[in-house]
Every structure is written in structure tokens, then in C-alpha cells.
Amino acid sequence: MKKGYIICKNKIQKEIILINYEKVGFNVKPLNKIKYPGIKVNSMMIINQSFIEKILKRKIKKRLDLFVKVMISVVEEDDTNPDDVTKALNEISKYRSIIINKYRKFLDEKYISLLLKKLDLLERELKQKIVYIDDYEYEDEKETRRTR
């Protein structure tokens, strides 16, 4: 027997009913971009494991694409500010902790290890860029000291 839930709007009574179920799931906050008369959803818990995996993989893919675009723009520019690179590194480490602490219980270990390897690769490239910038600034400083 399938269990289902129906949300009904009663026009006469205006009261909110909160139902707490002791289920484990993934909480999602919808964007609510489309205006419509009806129920406004502030938070939603997804319980179906396959649906959770699809949502998380799509979310992770978008974030990784954003990191790759930032990394490409930082690496290709010659006059990159080191603060921009450190901000990108901090974002990657923050996202790594989110994956480890929040998403690990919903995704399989093989996918998480692949994802962490990708983040390591991005982090390594950004660290090389920081070393390159520091060496370049050191050489410029050395040249300015020699001339009089």
C-alpha cells in the first residue's frame, strides 16, 4: 500500500499545520521565482534516495563548472591579484568541507572520491598560480633594487 500526502487549502480557516516526521532526508529551499496564487514553499525535505542523488549531482556539477570558469580566468590572466586566487582557494576548501560533512551520507563513496580528486586538481592549479605570482613579484622587486 502506497502512502501519499495531499495538501489542501481551506478557504475558510487560515491556520498553518506543521507536521514533523522523523524521517531522514535532504532539505531543499526552493527559489520561488514564479509568482502564483497558492502555497509558498519555504523548505522541502526530499526522502527518495535516487531523487536526492540526482539533485545533488546536478548541484555539484553546476558548482564545479563555476570553479573551473573561475580557475581558467585566474590562470590565464597575467596580472592576477593574489587575493583573488586565495579567495578561490578558500571557496574550494569550503565546498570540500560541505561535501564531506553534508553530502557524504547521500552519495556513494566512489563518486565522492572522484569529486574530491577533481577539487584537489583545481586546488593544486591555484596553488601553482600563487607560487608563480609570488616568484614574479619577487623578481620584480629584485630588479628594482639593483638599479639606481
C-alpha atoms as a PDB file:
ATOM      1  CA  MET A   1       0.000   0.000   0.000  1.00  0.00           C
ATOM      2  CA  LYS A   2       1.423   3.366  -1.019  1.00  0.00           C
ATOM      3  CA  LYS A   3       1.327   6.293   1.330  1.00  0.00           C
ATOM      4  CA  GLY A   4       0.741   9.722  -0.096  1.00  0.00           C
ATOM      5  CA  TYR A   5       0.136  13.174   1.231  1.00  0.00           C
ATOM      6  CA  ILE A   6      -2.283  15.726  -0.112  1.00  0.00           C
ATOM      7  CA  ILE A   7      -2.009  19.433   0.572  1.00  0.00           C
ATOM      8  CA  CYS A   8      -5.394  21.116   0.709  1.00  0.00           C
ATOM      9  CA  LYS A   9      -6.082  24.800   1.051  1.00  0.00           C
ATOM     10  CA  ASN A  10      -9.119  25.579   3.128  1.00  0.00           C
ATOM     11  CA  LYS A  11     -10.575  28.953   2.204  1.00  0.00           C
ATOM     12  CA  ILE A  12     -12.455  29.423   5.448  1.00  0.00           C
ATOM     13  CA  GLN A  13      -9.781  28.643   8.020  1.00  0.00           C
ATOM     14  CA  LYS A  14      -6.420  30.328   7.812  1.00  0.00           C
ATOM     15  CA  GLU A  15      -4.222  28.234  10.031  1.00  0.00           C
ATOM     16  CA  ILE A  16      -0.915  26.568   9.422  1.00  0.00           C
ATOM     17  CA  ILE A  17      -0.418  22.934  10.260  1.00  0.00           C
ATOM     18  CA  LEU A  18       3.132  21.757  10.823  1.00  0.00           C
ATOM     19  CA  ILE A  19       3.737  18.038  10.569  1.00  0.00           C
ATOM     20  CA  ASN A  20       7.093  16.763  11.798  1.00  0.00           C
ATOM     21  CA  TYR A  21       8.050  13.301  10.679  1.00  0.00           C
ATOM     22  CA  GLU A  22      11.164  11.635  11.990  1.00  0.00           C
ATOM     23  CA  LYS A  23      12.484  10.844   8.528  1.00  0.00           C
ATOM     24  CA  VAL A  24      15.981  11.321   7.218  1.00  0.00           C
ATOM     25  CA  GLY A  25      16.168  13.318   4.008  1.00  0.00           C
ATOM     26  CA  PHE A  26      17.762  16.211   2.218  1.00  0.00           C
ATOM     27  CA  ASN A  27      16.378  19.696   2.898  1.00  0.00           C
ATOM     28  CA  VAL A  28      15.940  21.964  -0.111  1.00  0.00           C
ATOM     29  CA  LYS A  29      14.889  25.594  -0.194  1.00  0.00           C
ATOM     30  CA  PRO A  30      13.074  26.323  -3.475  1.00  0.00           C
ATOM     31  CA  LEU A  31      13.887  29.524  -5.341  1.00  0.00           C
ATOM     32  CA  ASN A  32      10.213  30.616  -5.727  1.00  0.00           C
ATOM     33  CA  LYS A  33      10.960  32.548  -8.921  1.00  0.00           C
ATOM     34  CA  ILE A  34       7.480  32.159 -10.377  1.00  0.00           C
ATOM     35  CA  LYS A  35       4.712  34.142  -8.726  1.00  0.00           C
ATOM     36  CA  TYR A  36       1.435  32.271  -8.465  1.00  0.00           C
ATOM     37  CA  PRO A  37      -1.541  32.257  -6.129  1.00  0.00           C
ATOM     38  CA  GLY A  38      -1.258  29.328  -3.826  1.00  0.00           C
ATOM     39  CA  ILE A  39       1.055  27.832  -1.290  1.00  0.00           C
ATOM     40  CA  LYS A  40       4.500  29.348  -0.877  1.00  0.00           C
ATOM     41  CA  VAL A  41       7.061  26.669  -0.016  1.00  0.00           C
ATOM     42  CA  ASN A  42       9.921  27.780   2.230  1.00  0.00           C
ATOM     43  CA  SER A  43      11.546  24.414   2.756  1.00  0.00           C
ATOM     44  CA  MET A  44      11.089  20.918   1.419  1.00  0.00           C
ATOM     45  CA  MET A  45      12.540  17.586   2.544  1.00  0.00           C
ATOM     46  CA  ILE A  46      13.310  15.005  -0.110  1.00  0.00           C
ATOM     47  CA  ILE A  47      13.267  11.427   1.119  1.00  0.00           C
ATOM     48  CA  ASN A  48      13.662   9.372  -2.080  1.00  0.00           C
ATOM     49  CA  GLN A  49      17.355   8.406  -2.298  1.00  0.00           C
ATOM     50  CA  SER A  50      17.594   8.316  -6.094  1.00  0.00           C
ATOM     51  CA  PHE A  51      15.991  11.759  -6.366  1.00  0.00           C
ATOM     52  CA  ILE A  52      18.409  13.112  -3.747  1.00  0.00           C
ATOM     53  CA  GLU A  53      21.360  11.768  -5.746  1.00  0.00           C
ATOM     54  CA  LYS A  54      20.107  13.382  -8.965  1.00  0.00           C
ATOM     55  CA  ILE A  55      19.590  16.747  -7.289  1.00  0.00           C
ATOM     56  CA  LEU A  56      22.979  16.692  -5.547  1.00  0.00           C
ATOM     57  CA  LYS A  57      24.847  15.626  -8.678  1.00  0.00           C
ATOM     58  CA  ARG A  58      23.243  18.447 -10.662  1.00  0.00           C
ATOM     59  CA  LYS A  59      24.041  20.927  -7.894  1.00  0.00           C
ATOM     60  CA  ILE A  60      27.645  19.718  -7.650  1.00  0.00           C
ATOM     61  CA  LYS A  61      28.100  19.840 -11.432  1.00  0.00           C
ATOM     62  CA  LYS A  62      26.978  23.479 -11.566  1.00  0.00           C
ATOM     63  CA  ARG A  63      29.331  24.423  -8.734  1.00  0.00           C
ATOM     64  CA  LEU A  64      32.283  22.587 -10.313  1.00  0.00           C
ATOM     65  CA  ASP A  65      31.651  24.346 -13.631  1.00  0.00           C
ATOM     66  CA  LEU A  66      31.713  27.665 -11.786  1.00  0.00           C
ATOM     67  CA  PHE A  67      35.011  26.738 -10.084  1.00  0.00           C
ATOM     68  CA  VAL A  68      36.535  25.722 -13.417  1.00  0.00           C
ATOM     69  CA  LYS A  69      35.494  29.027 -15.030  1.00  0.00           C
ATOM     70  CA  VAL A  70      36.999  30.995 -12.132  1.00  0.00           C
ATOM     71  CA  MET A  71      40.183  28.944 -12.246  1.00  0.00           C
ATOM     72  CA  ILE A  72      40.565  29.412 -16.007  1.00  0.00           C
ATOM     73  CA  SER A  73      40.075  33.158 -15.720  1.00  0.00           C
ATOM     74  CA  VAL A  74      42.578  33.379 -12.852  1.00  0.00           C
ATOM     75  CA  VAL A  75      45.226  31.193 -14.510  1.00  0.00           C
ATOM     76  CA  GLU A  76      45.028  32.853 -17.931  1.00  0.00           C
ATOM     77  CA  GLU A  77      45.390  36.430 -16.686  1.00  0.00           C
ATOM     78  CA  ASP A  78      48.934  37.625 -16.125  1.00  0.00           C
ATOM     79  CA  ASP A  79      48.089  40.496 -13.796  1.00  0.00           C
ATOM     80  CA  THR A  80      46.003  38.442 -11.379  1.00  0.00           C
ATOM     81  CA  ASN A  81      45.749  39.706  -7.852  1.00  0.00           C
ATOM     82  CA  PRO A  82      46.917  37.092  -5.298  1.00  0.00           C
ATOM     83  CA  ASP A  83      43.883  37.923  -3.166  1.00  0.00           C
ATOM     84  CA  ASP A  84      41.581  36.653  -5.908  1.00  0.00           C
ATOM     85  CA  VAL A  85      43.443  33.369  -6.028  1.00  0.00           C
ATOM     86  CA  THR A  86      43.312  32.937  -2.248  1.00  0.00           C
ATOM     87  CA  LYS A  87      39.572  33.685  -2.294  1.00  0.00           C
ATOM     88  CA  ALA A  88      39.093  30.961  -4.889  1.00  0.00           C
ATOM     89  CA  LEU A  89      41.167  28.562  -2.786  1.00  0.00           C
ATOM     90  CA  ASN A  90      39.063  29.365   0.272  1.00  0.00           C
ATOM     91  CA  GLU A  91      35.865  28.728  -1.693  1.00  0.00           C
ATOM     92  CA  ILE A  92      37.161  25.350  -2.838  1.00  0.00           C
ATOM     93  CA  SER A  93      38.154  24.304   0.682  1.00  0.00           C
ATOM     94  CA  LYS A  94      34.773  25.471   1.999  1.00  0.00           C
ATOM     95  CA  TYR A  95      32.984  23.457  -0.667  1.00  0.00           C
ATOM     96  CA  ARG A  96      35.141  20.419   0.122  1.00  0.00           C
ATOM     97  CA  SER A  97      34.017  20.557   3.760  1.00  0.00           C
ATOM     98  CA  ILE A  98      30.367  20.868   2.666  1.00  0.00           C
ATOM     99  CA  ILE A  99      30.732  17.770   0.511  1.00  0.00           C
ATOM    100  CA  ILE A 100      32.404  15.788   3.275  1.00  0.00           C
ATOM    101  CA  ASN A 101      30.046  16.843   6.054  1.00  0.00           C
ATOM    102  CA  LYS A 102      26.719  17.295   4.298  1.00  0.00           C
ATOM    103  CA  TYR A 103      26.606  15.278   1.071  1.00  0.00           C
ATOM    104  CA  ARG A 104      28.572  12.188   2.094  1.00  0.00           C
ATOM    105  CA  LYS A 105      25.579  10.409   3.610  1.00  0.00           C
ATOM    106  CA  PHE A 106      23.548  10.772   0.400  1.00  0.00           C
ATOM    107  CA  LEU A 107      26.161   9.976  -2.282  1.00  0.00           C
ATOM    108  CA  ASP A 108      28.214   6.842  -2.863  1.00  0.00           C
ATOM    109  CA  GLU A 109      31.885   6.746  -1.903  1.00  0.00           C
ATOM    110  CA  LYS A 110      33.139   6.246  -5.461  1.00  0.00           C
ATOM    111  CA  TYR A 111      31.509   9.479  -6.645  1.00  0.00           C
ATOM    112  CA  ILE A 112      32.720  11.412  -3.604  1.00  0.00           C
ATOM    113  CA  SER A 113      36.308  10.223  -4.061  1.00  0.00           C
ATOM    114  CA  LEU A 114      36.189  11.261  -7.741  1.00  0.00           C
ATOM    115  CA  LEU A 115      34.780  14.642  -6.749  1.00  0.00           C
ATOM    116  CA  LEU A 116      37.458  15.190  -4.108  1.00  0.00           C
ATOM    117  CA  LYS A 117      40.141  14.335  -6.675  1.00  0.00           C
ATOM    118  CA  LYS A 118      38.733  16.980  -9.013  1.00  0.00           C
ATOM    119  CA  LEU A 119      38.762  19.535  -6.214  1.00  0.00           C
ATOM    120  CA  ASP A 120      42.368  18.571  -5.393  1.00  0.00           C
ATOM    121  CA  LEU A 121      43.337  19.169  -9.016  1.00  0.00           C
ATOM    122  CA  LEU A 122      41.708  22.612  -9.024  1.00  0.00           C
ATOM    123  CA  GLU A 123      43.349  23.462  -5.726  1.00  0.00           C
ATOM    124  CA  ARG A 124      46.758  22.348  -6.967  1.00  0.00           C
ATOM    125  CA  GLU A 125      46.475  24.554 -10.077  1.00  0.00           C
ATOM    126  CA  LEU A 126      45.544  27.584  -7.992  1.00  0.00           C
ATOM    127  CA  LYS A 127      48.429  26.972  -5.588  1.00  0.00           C
ATOM    128  CA  GLN A 128      50.813  26.826  -8.544  1.00  0.00           C
ATOM    129  CA  LYS A 129      49.435  30.152  -9.714  1.00  0.00           C
ATOM    130  CA  ILE A 130      50.092  31.664  -6.264  1.00  0.00           C
ATOM    131  CA  VAL A 131      53.689  30.412  -6.369  1.00  0.00           C
ATOM    132  CA  TYR A 132      54.100  31.846  -9.873  1.00  0.00           C
ATOM    133  CA  ILE A 133      52.714  35.235  -8.789  1.00  0.00           C
ATOM    134  CA  ASP A 134      54.975  35.318  -5.730  1.00  0.00           C
ATOM    135  CA  ASP A 135      58.046  34.450  -7.807  1.00  0.00           C
ATOM    136  CA  TYR A 136      57.164  37.087 -10.384  1.00  0.00           C
ATOM    137  CA  GLU A 137      56.725  39.768  -7.698  1.00  0.00           C
ATOM    138  CA  TYR A 138      60.000  38.716  -6.060  1.00  0.00           C
ATOM    139  CA  GLU A 139      61.861  39.042  -9.373  1.00  0.00           C
ATOM    140  CA  ASP A 140      60.344  42.482  -9.997  1.00  0.00           C
ATOM    141  CA  GLU A 141      61.377  43.568  -6.527  1.00  0.00           C
ATOM    142  CA  LYS A 142      64.903  42.267  -7.120  1.00  0.00           C
ATOM    143  CA  GLU A 143      65.223  44.196 -10.375  1.00  0.00           C
ATOM    144  CA  THR A 144      64.074  47.444  -8.809  1.00  0.00           C
ATOM    145  CA  ARG A 145      66.663  47.118  -6.037  1.00  0.00           C
ATOM    146  CA  ARG A 146      69.574  46.645  -8.444  1.00  0.00           C
ATOM    147  CA  THR A 147      69.024  49.778 -10.488  1.00  0.00           C
ATOM    148  CA  ARG A 148      69.943  53.181  -9.236  1.00  0.00           C
END
